[in-house]
Amino acid sequence: MVISSEVQLSQLVIHKIADEGLITSTGSIDSLDDDLNQLLVKYFFKSFKEEERYQFLTEKEEEENEVYRLVGEIFDNPERLYDHSIRLASFLSAQSQHQNIKEGDFLVCHFEDCVIDDEVTDVIGMFKVENKETYIKIMGQGNDFNIISDEGISINKLDKGVLIFNTEKESGYRVLMVDITNKKSSAQYWQNDFLGLEKIRDEYFHTQNLINNIQEFAQEAFEPQEKPDKLSFVNESIDYLKENNFFNQQDFEEKVLQSPELIDRFENFQERKVEENPDMDADQFDISKPAIKNTKRFIRSVIKLDKNFHVYVHGNREKIIKGFDPEKKLNYYTLYFHEES
């Protein structure tokens, strides 16, 4: 996301979630020099995707969302950040008892002069640092040098974080979240158990879900020997989304799927996904171009042939044909093209 040079980190509190329990700091950090302020703002903000938005579930299991309540009180009285940060840290510590959940530093921040949707507002940020990196430091005085190693926080990546903008409180605030270590179900405590967040069901949400479904359907619908067909289908689907501003499932089926059998299988697949998650029930919506940009890099469009060749498939399935040479007992591909570049 774009970080304005006007953003100021006005308060910072650091606690530690340790294996032996919660270790709280004695106070907040209220004064930082300009260089460190801007370095921390960049570190805290740059990992978030502004288009992928969340909101608080204002009630969790018929009880008021604890983080939502405490954040509201901090916005009303920023001078109480330290007191409420201890309550937030205690609540996080209580959600961190699973053996697969790592200990780490927990930081609570108050930022001023932040912008979202052209609105200037303040922001509460919460971050958990679970991974440290080893770095080498060279120390010297005059012509006498020494080298030591130490551990520190990498400013290039953020393990877990949330930015809560002081706007639209009634609907659960506007929230951005990141969790790069969310690979196991036990690690989902950050979004679900601690914060109690859900994705906002907007065009970004629906476009992202559709792309995920297209890739999953491709894995299910095509046999291993039909890999060119599978890659062609995925690429043609992405091209359809890039070339259109509005998604209509019937139009998509007619222009991309075409085959009645494939259309029927896709519709059954979509119905099954909606049964699993009713939030995915959307056969018409505006297409989000940022969602396409952010997910396309994860789409693999390459056929690996032993260790000798990689064939990149970008579309037009009719120009690549697979065969088998009985004399050499080897598979082969025939590629048709107009000119070599």
Protein backbone atom coordinates (compact mmCIF):
# COMPACT_ATOMS: atom_id res chain seq x y z
CA MET A 1 0.00 0.00 0.00
CA VAL A 2 1.04 3.60 -0.48
CA ILE A 3 2.52 5.05 2.72
CA SER A 4 2.20 8.78 3.18
CA SER A 5 5.20 10.61 4.57
CA GLU A 6 2.75 12.36 6.89
CA VAL A 7 1.99 9.20 8.91
CA GLN A 8 3.29 9.51 12.46
CA LEU A 9 3.82 6.73 15.00
CA SER A 10 2.67 8.57 18.13
CA GLN A 11 2.76 5.70 20.67
CA LEU A 12 4.33 2.25 20.81
CA VAL A 13 4.05 -0.45 23.48
CA ILE A 14 5.98 -3.73 23.43
CA HIS A 15 5.05 -6.87 25.39
CA LYS A 16 6.31 -10.45 25.05
CA ILE A 17 4.23 -13.59 24.63
CA ALA A 18 6.59 -16.20 26.09
CA ASP A 19 6.29 -19.94 26.68
CA GLU A 20 6.25 -19.29 30.40
CA GLY A 21 3.53 -16.64 30.08
CA LEU A 22 3.04 -12.95 29.37
CA ILE A 23 5.83 -10.47 30.07
CA THR A 24 4.54 -6.87 30.05
CA SER A 25 6.56 -3.70 29.62
CA THR A 26 6.60 -0.98 32.24
CA GLY A 27 5.37 1.76 29.94
CA SER A 28 4.93 3.06 26.42
CA ILE A 29 7.43 4.60 24.01
CA ASP A 30 6.11 8.05 23.16
CA SER A 31 9.07 9.75 21.52
CA LEU A 32 10.99 8.55 18.46
CA ASP A 33 13.38 10.45 16.22
CA ASP A 34 12.14 11.14 12.68
CA ASP A 35 14.37 8.57 10.97
CA LEU A 36 13.32 5.72 13.28
CA ASN A 37 9.68 6.83 13.07
CA GLN A 38 9.65 6.60 9.27
CA LEU A 39 11.58 3.31 9.30
CA LEU A 40 9.03 1.74 11.65
CA VAL A 41 6.06 3.14 9.70
CA LYS A 42 7.44 1.59 6.51
CA TYR A 43 8.09 -1.72 8.27
CA PHE A 44 4.61 -1.85 9.80
CA PHE A 45 2.65 -0.74 6.73
CA LYS A 46 4.32 -2.11 3.61
CA SER A 47 3.21 -5.77 3.92
CA PHE A 48 -0.51 -4.99 3.71
CA LYS A 49 -2.66 -5.17 0.57
CA GLU A 50 -5.01 -2.20 0.66
CA GLU A 51 -7.57 -3.97 -1.57
CA GLU A 52 -7.94 -7.03 0.69
CA ARG A 53 -10.09 -5.70 3.50
CA TYR A 54 -11.57 -7.15 6.66
CA GLN A 55 -14.02 -6.09 9.34
CA PHE A 56 -14.59 -7.13 12.94
CA LEU A 57 -17.31 -9.56 13.82
CA THR A 58 -18.72 -7.21 16.44
CA GLU A 59 -20.06 -10.25 18.28
CA LYS A 60 -18.22 -13.55 18.59
CA GLU A 61 -20.33 -16.53 19.63
CA GLU A 62 -22.99 -14.16 20.98
CA GLU A 63 -20.41 -12.29 23.10
CA GLU A 64 -18.96 -8.88 22.35
CA ASN A 65 -15.67 -9.06 20.44
CA GLU A 66 -13.01 -8.20 23.05
CA VAL A 67 -10.50 -6.70 20.60
CA TYR A 68 -13.23 -4.66 18.88
CA ARG A 69 -14.32 -3.27 22.26
CA LEU A 70 -10.79 -2.39 23.43
CA VAL A 71 -9.85 -0.79 20.12
CA GLY A 72 -12.93 1.42 20.32
CA GLU A 73 -11.90 2.56 23.80
CA ILE A 74 -8.37 3.36 22.59
CA PHE A 75 -9.74 5.45 19.71
CA ASP A 76 -11.89 7.36 22.23
CA ASN A 77 -8.95 7.85 24.64
CA PRO A 78 -5.54 7.32 22.96
CA GLU A 79 -3.77 8.17 26.21
CA ARG A 80 -5.05 4.84 27.58
CA LEU A 81 -3.18 2.85 24.92
CA TYR A 82 -0.73 1.38 27.44
CA ASP A 83 -3.41 0.14 29.84
CA HIS A 84 -5.48 -1.40 27.07
CA SER A 85 -2.40 -2.90 25.40
CA ILE A 86 -1.91 -5.05 28.51
CA ARG A 87 -5.48 -6.30 28.20
CA LEU A 88 -4.93 -7.02 24.49
CA ALA A 89 -1.68 -8.85 25.25
CA SER A 90 -3.38 -10.90 27.97
CA PHE A 91 -6.18 -11.86 25.60
CA LEU A 92 -3.67 -12.80 22.86
CA SER A 93 -1.64 -14.85 25.35
CA ALA A 94 -4.79 -16.76 26.31
CA GLN A 95 -5.33 -17.64 22.63
CA SER A 96 -1.70 -18.76 22.18
CA GLN A 97 -1.64 -21.96 24.21
CA HIS A 98 -1.46 -24.48 21.34
CA GLN A 99 1.95 -26.16 21.07
CA ASN A 100 2.33 -25.11 17.41
CA ILE A 101 1.86 -21.41 18.21
CA LYS A 102 5.15 -19.57 18.54
CA GLU A 103 6.16 -17.13 21.24
CA GLY A 104 7.04 -13.62 20.14
CA ASP A 105 7.05 -9.88 20.70
CA PHE A 106 3.63 -8.19 20.66
CA LEU A 107 3.56 -4.53 19.63
CA VAL A 108 0.59 -2.17 19.92
CA CYS A 109 0.84 1.19 18.13
CA HIS A 110 -1.16 4.35 17.59
CA PHE A 111 -0.63 6.10 14.24
CA GLU A 112 -1.87 9.54 13.22
CA ASP A 113 -2.58 11.15 9.82
CA CYS A 114 -3.24 7.90 7.93
CA VAL A 115 -5.33 7.89 4.74
CA ILE A 116 -7.83 5.33 3.50
CA ASP A 117 -10.36 6.04 0.72
CA ASP A 118 -9.26 9.71 0.77
CA GLU A 119 -10.20 9.98 4.47
CA VAL A 120 -7.57 11.11 6.99
CA THR A 121 -7.86 9.15 10.23
CA ASP A 122 -5.88 7.58 13.05
CA VAL A 123 -5.01 3.88 13.14
CA ILE A 124 -4.42 1.25 15.79
CA GLY A 125 -1.78 -1.27 14.73
CA MET A 126 -1.04 -4.60 16.41
CA PHE A 127 1.88 -6.77 15.35
CA LYS A 128 3.37 -10.04 16.51
CA VAL A 129 7.01 -10.78 15.67
CA GLU A 130 7.61 -14.54 15.82
CA ASN A 131 10.77 -14.96 13.75
CA LYS A 132 14.15 -13.37 14.29
CA GLU A 133 17.07 -13.38 11.85
CA THR A 134 20.78 -13.67 12.53
CA TYR A 135 22.89 -10.78 11.31
CA ILE A 136 26.59 -9.99 11.30
CA LYS A 137 27.87 -6.74 12.76
CA ILE A 138 31.39 -5.39 12.21
CA MET A 139 32.66 -3.22 15.05
CA GLY A 140 35.75 -1.08 14.90
CA GLN A 141 37.63 1.76 16.45
CA GLY A 142 40.48 3.29 14.50
CA ASN A 143 42.16 0.40 12.66
CA ASP A 144 41.07 -2.24 15.19
CA PHE A 145 38.08 -4.31 13.94
CA ASN A 146 35.99 -7.16 15.31
CA ILE A 147 33.00 -9.11 14.05
CA ILE A 148 30.05 -10.43 16.06
CA SER A 149 26.69 -12.09 15.36
CA ASP A 150 23.35 -11.23 16.91
CA GLU A 151 19.63 -11.74 16.36
CA GLY A 152 17.17 -9.07 15.29
CA ILE A 153 13.94 -8.32 13.43
CA SER A 154 14.05 -8.21 9.64
CA ILE A 155 12.46 -4.97 8.40
CA ASN A 156 11.65 -6.67 5.07
CA LYS A 157 8.80 -8.88 6.28
CA LEU A 158 6.08 -8.85 8.91
CA ASP A 159 4.93 -12.12 10.53
CA LYS A 160 1.51 -11.06 11.80
CA GLY A 161 -0.13 -7.66 11.79
CA VAL A 162 -3.40 -5.76 11.71
CA LEU A 163 -4.18 -2.11 10.92
CA ILE A 164 -7.52 -0.82 12.23
CA PHE A 165 -8.69 2.47 10.73
CA ASN A 166 -10.90 4.70 12.85
CA THR A 167 -13.76 4.75 10.37
CA GLU A 168 -17.05 2.87 9.89
CA LYS A 169 -17.10 1.64 13.51
CA GLU A 170 -20.73 0.50 13.30
CA SER A 171 -19.93 -2.08 10.60
CA GLY A 172 -16.74 -3.33 12.30
CA TYR A 173 -14.18 -0.70 11.19
CA ARG A 174 -12.06 -0.86 8.04
CA VAL A 175 -9.28 -3.36 8.74
CA LEU A 176 -6.21 -4.66 6.91
CA MET A 177 -4.55 -7.87 8.06
CA VAL A 178 -1.46 -9.91 7.23
CA ASP A 179 -0.39 -13.33 8.49
CA ILE A 180 2.47 -14.91 6.53
CA THR A 181 2.80 -17.86 8.96
CA ASN A 182 -0.84 -18.93 8.65
CA LYS A 183 -0.15 -22.35 7.13
CA LYS A 184 -1.61 -24.64 9.78
CA SER A 185 -5.10 -24.55 11.23
CA SER A 186 -3.63 -24.04 14.70
CA ALA A 187 -2.03 -20.80 13.47
CA GLN A 188 -5.35 -19.26 12.41
CA TYR A 189 -5.83 -18.01 15.96
CA TRP A 190 -4.57 -14.56 14.85
CA GLN A 191 -7.52 -13.83 12.56
CA ASN A 192 -10.19 -15.99 14.15
CA ASP A 193 -9.60 -16.51 17.87
CA PHE A 194 -7.79 -13.28 18.71
CA LEU A 195 -9.05 -10.61 16.32
CA GLY A 196 -12.35 -12.10 15.20
CA LEU A 197 -12.16 -10.78 11.63
CA GLU A 198 -13.98 -11.71 8.45
CA LYS A 199 -13.20 -10.65 4.89
CA ILE A 200 -15.41 -7.95 3.43
CA ARG A 201 -17.45 -9.50 0.62
CA ASP A 202 -16.64 -7.02 -2.11
CA GLU A 203 -15.45 -7.37 -5.71
CA TYR A 204 -11.90 -8.19 -4.54
CA PHE A 205 -13.24 -11.01 -2.34
CA HIS A 206 -15.42 -12.50 -5.08
CA THR A 207 -12.74 -12.20 -7.79
CA GLN A 208 -10.13 -13.83 -5.58
CA ASN A 209 -12.49 -16.67 -4.68
CA LEU A 210 -13.34 -17.25 -8.34
CA ILE A 211 -9.66 -17.46 -9.33
CA ASN A 212 -9.04 -19.96 -6.52
CA ASN A 213 -12.04 -22.00 -7.67
CA ILE A 214 -10.86 -21.94 -11.30
CA GLN A 215 -7.47 -23.34 -10.31
CA GLU A 216 -9.02 -25.98 -8.04
CA PHE A 217 -11.53 -26.97 -10.73
CA ALA A 218 -8.71 -27.28 -13.28
CA GLN A 219 -6.88 -29.74 -11.03
CA GLU A 220 -10.06 -31.78 -10.64
CA ALA A 221 -11.47 -31.66 -14.19
CA PHE A 222 -8.39 -32.52 -16.27
CA GLU A 223 -6.39 -35.73 -16.25
CA PRO A 224 -2.56 -35.60 -15.84
CA GLN A 225 -2.08 -36.27 -19.57
CA GLU A 226 -4.32 -33.28 -20.35
CA LYS A 227 -1.95 -30.72 -18.83
CA PRO A 228 -1.90 -28.44 -21.93
CA ASP A 229 -5.71 -28.35 -21.81
CA LYS A 230 -5.63 -27.54 -18.10
CA LEU A 231 -3.10 -24.72 -18.47
CA SER A 232 -4.95 -23.34 -21.48
CA PHE A 233 -8.22 -23.32 -19.54
CA VAL A 234 -6.67 -21.45 -16.60
CA ASN A 235 -4.96 -18.89 -18.85
CA GLU A 236 -8.09 -18.31 -20.94
CA SER A 237 -10.08 -17.84 -17.73
CA ILE A 238 -7.62 -15.24 -16.45
CA ASP A 239 -7.65 -13.50 -19.84
CA TYR A 240 -11.46 -13.35 -19.64
CA LEU A 241 -11.24 -11.67 -16.23
CA LYS A 242 -8.57 -9.23 -17.45
CA GLU A 243 -10.56 -8.26 -20.54
CA ASN A 244 -13.94 -7.80 -18.83
CA ASN A 245 -15.08 -5.49 -16.06
CA PHE A 246 -18.07 -7.60 -15.01
CA PHE A 247 -18.30 -11.34 -14.36
CA ASN A 248 -21.37 -13.23 -15.49
CA GLN A 249 -21.11 -16.98 -15.04
CA GLN A 250 -23.26 -17.84 -18.06
CA ASP A 251 -21.18 -15.59 -20.32
CA PHE A 252 -17.96 -17.05 -18.88
CA GLU A 253 -19.19 -20.59 -19.55
CA GLU A 254 -20.13 -19.82 -23.14
CA LYS A 255 -16.88 -18.02 -24.01
CA VAL A 256 -14.30 -20.06 -22.04
CA LEU A 257 -15.70 -23.48 -21.13
CA GLN A 258 -17.80 -23.94 -24.32
CA SER A 259 -18.10 -27.74 -23.94
CA PRO A 260 -21.54 -28.71 -22.49
CA GLU A 261 -19.89 -31.47 -20.44
CA LEU A 262 -17.29 -29.07 -18.98
CA ILE A 263 -19.98 -26.46 -18.27
CA ASP A 264 -22.06 -29.03 -16.38
CA ARG A 265 -19.05 -30.12 -14.33
CA PHE A 266 -18.13 -26.50 -13.54
CA GLU A 267 -21.69 -25.68 -12.41
CA ASN A 268 -21.74 -28.74 -10.14
CA PHE A 269 -18.35 -27.72 -8.76
CA GLN A 270 -19.55 -24.18 -8.05
CA GLU A 271 -22.71 -25.47 -6.34
CA ARG A 272 -20.58 -27.69 -4.12
CA LYS A 273 -18.33 -24.77 -3.15
CA VAL A 274 -21.38 -22.65 -2.24
CA GLU A 275 -22.72 -25.47 -0.06
CA GLU A 276 -19.37 -25.54 1.73
CA ASN A 277 -19.29 -21.74 2.09
CA PRO A 278 -22.47 -19.73 1.33
CA ASP A 279 -20.37 -16.52 1.18
CA MET A 280 -19.11 -17.69 -2.23
CA ASP A 281 -22.59 -17.53 -3.74
CA ALA A 282 -21.98 -14.95 -6.47
CA ASP A 283 -22.48 -15.65 -10.17
CA GLN A 284 -22.38 -11.95 -11.10
CA PHE A 285 -20.07 -9.24 -9.74
CA ASP A 286 -17.68 -6.46 -10.74
CA ILE A 287 -14.22 -7.83 -11.49
CA SER A 288 -11.36 -6.54 -9.33
CA LYS A 289 -8.21 -5.96 -11.39
CA PRO A 290 -5.95 -5.79 -8.27
CA ALA A 291 -7.21 -9.26 -7.25
CA ILE A 292 -6.09 -10.62 -10.64
CA LYS A 293 -2.70 -8.91 -10.33
CA ASN A 294 -2.13 -10.18 -6.79
CA THR A 295 -2.99 -13.81 -7.55
CA LYS A 296 -1.65 -14.29 -11.09
CA ARG A 297 1.92 -14.78 -9.90
CA PHE A 298 0.79 -17.97 -8.13
CA ILE A 299 -0.61 -19.50 -11.33
CA ARG A 300 1.81 -21.97 -12.86
CA SER A 301 1.66 -22.15 -16.66
CA VAL A 302 4.61 -24.42 -17.34
CA ILE A 303 4.97 -28.04 -18.50
CA LYS A 304 8.18 -29.59 -17.16
CA LEU A 305 9.58 -32.29 -19.46
CA ASP A 306 12.00 -34.46 -17.48
CA LYS A 307 14.99 -32.22 -16.68
CA ASN A 308 15.54 -31.11 -20.25
CA PHE A 309 12.77 -28.66 -21.21
CA HIS A 310 10.18 -26.29 -19.80
CA VAL A 311 7.23 -25.37 -22.05
CA TYR A 312 5.34 -22.21 -21.06
CA VAL A 313 1.70 -22.26 -22.14
CA HIS A 314 -0.11 -18.95 -22.45
CA GLY A 315 -3.19 -20.03 -24.41
CA ASN A 316 -4.44 -21.32 -27.78
CA ARG A 317 -4.53 -25.03 -26.98
CA GLU A 318 -4.77 -25.94 -30.69
CA LYS A 319 -1.12 -24.97 -31.28
CA ILE A 320 0.35 -27.63 -28.98
CA ILE A 321 -0.25 -31.35 -29.59
CA LYS A 322 0.99 -34.25 -27.49
CA GLY A 323 2.02 -37.58 -29.02
CA PHE A 324 4.00 -40.78 -28.41
CA ASP A 325 6.86 -42.13 -30.54
CA PRO A 326 6.63 -45.97 -30.40
CA GLU A 327 10.13 -46.45 -31.83
CA LYS A 328 11.85 -44.20 -29.29
CA LYS A 329 9.26 -45.03 -26.63
CA LEU A 330 9.11 -41.36 -25.65
CA ASN A 331 6.36 -38.78 -25.38
CA TYR A 332 6.62 -35.62 -27.46
CA TYR A 333 4.90 -32.27 -28.05
CA THR A 334 4.42 -30.63 -31.45
CA LEU A 335 4.34 -26.80 -31.25
CA TYR A 336 2.95 -24.61 -34.04
CA PHE A 337 3.95 -20.94 -34.31
CA HIS A 338 4.26 -18.14 -36.88
CA GLU A 339 7.65 -16.68 -36.02
CA GLU A 340 10.41 -16.99 -33.46
CA SER A 341 11.22 -14.02 -31.26
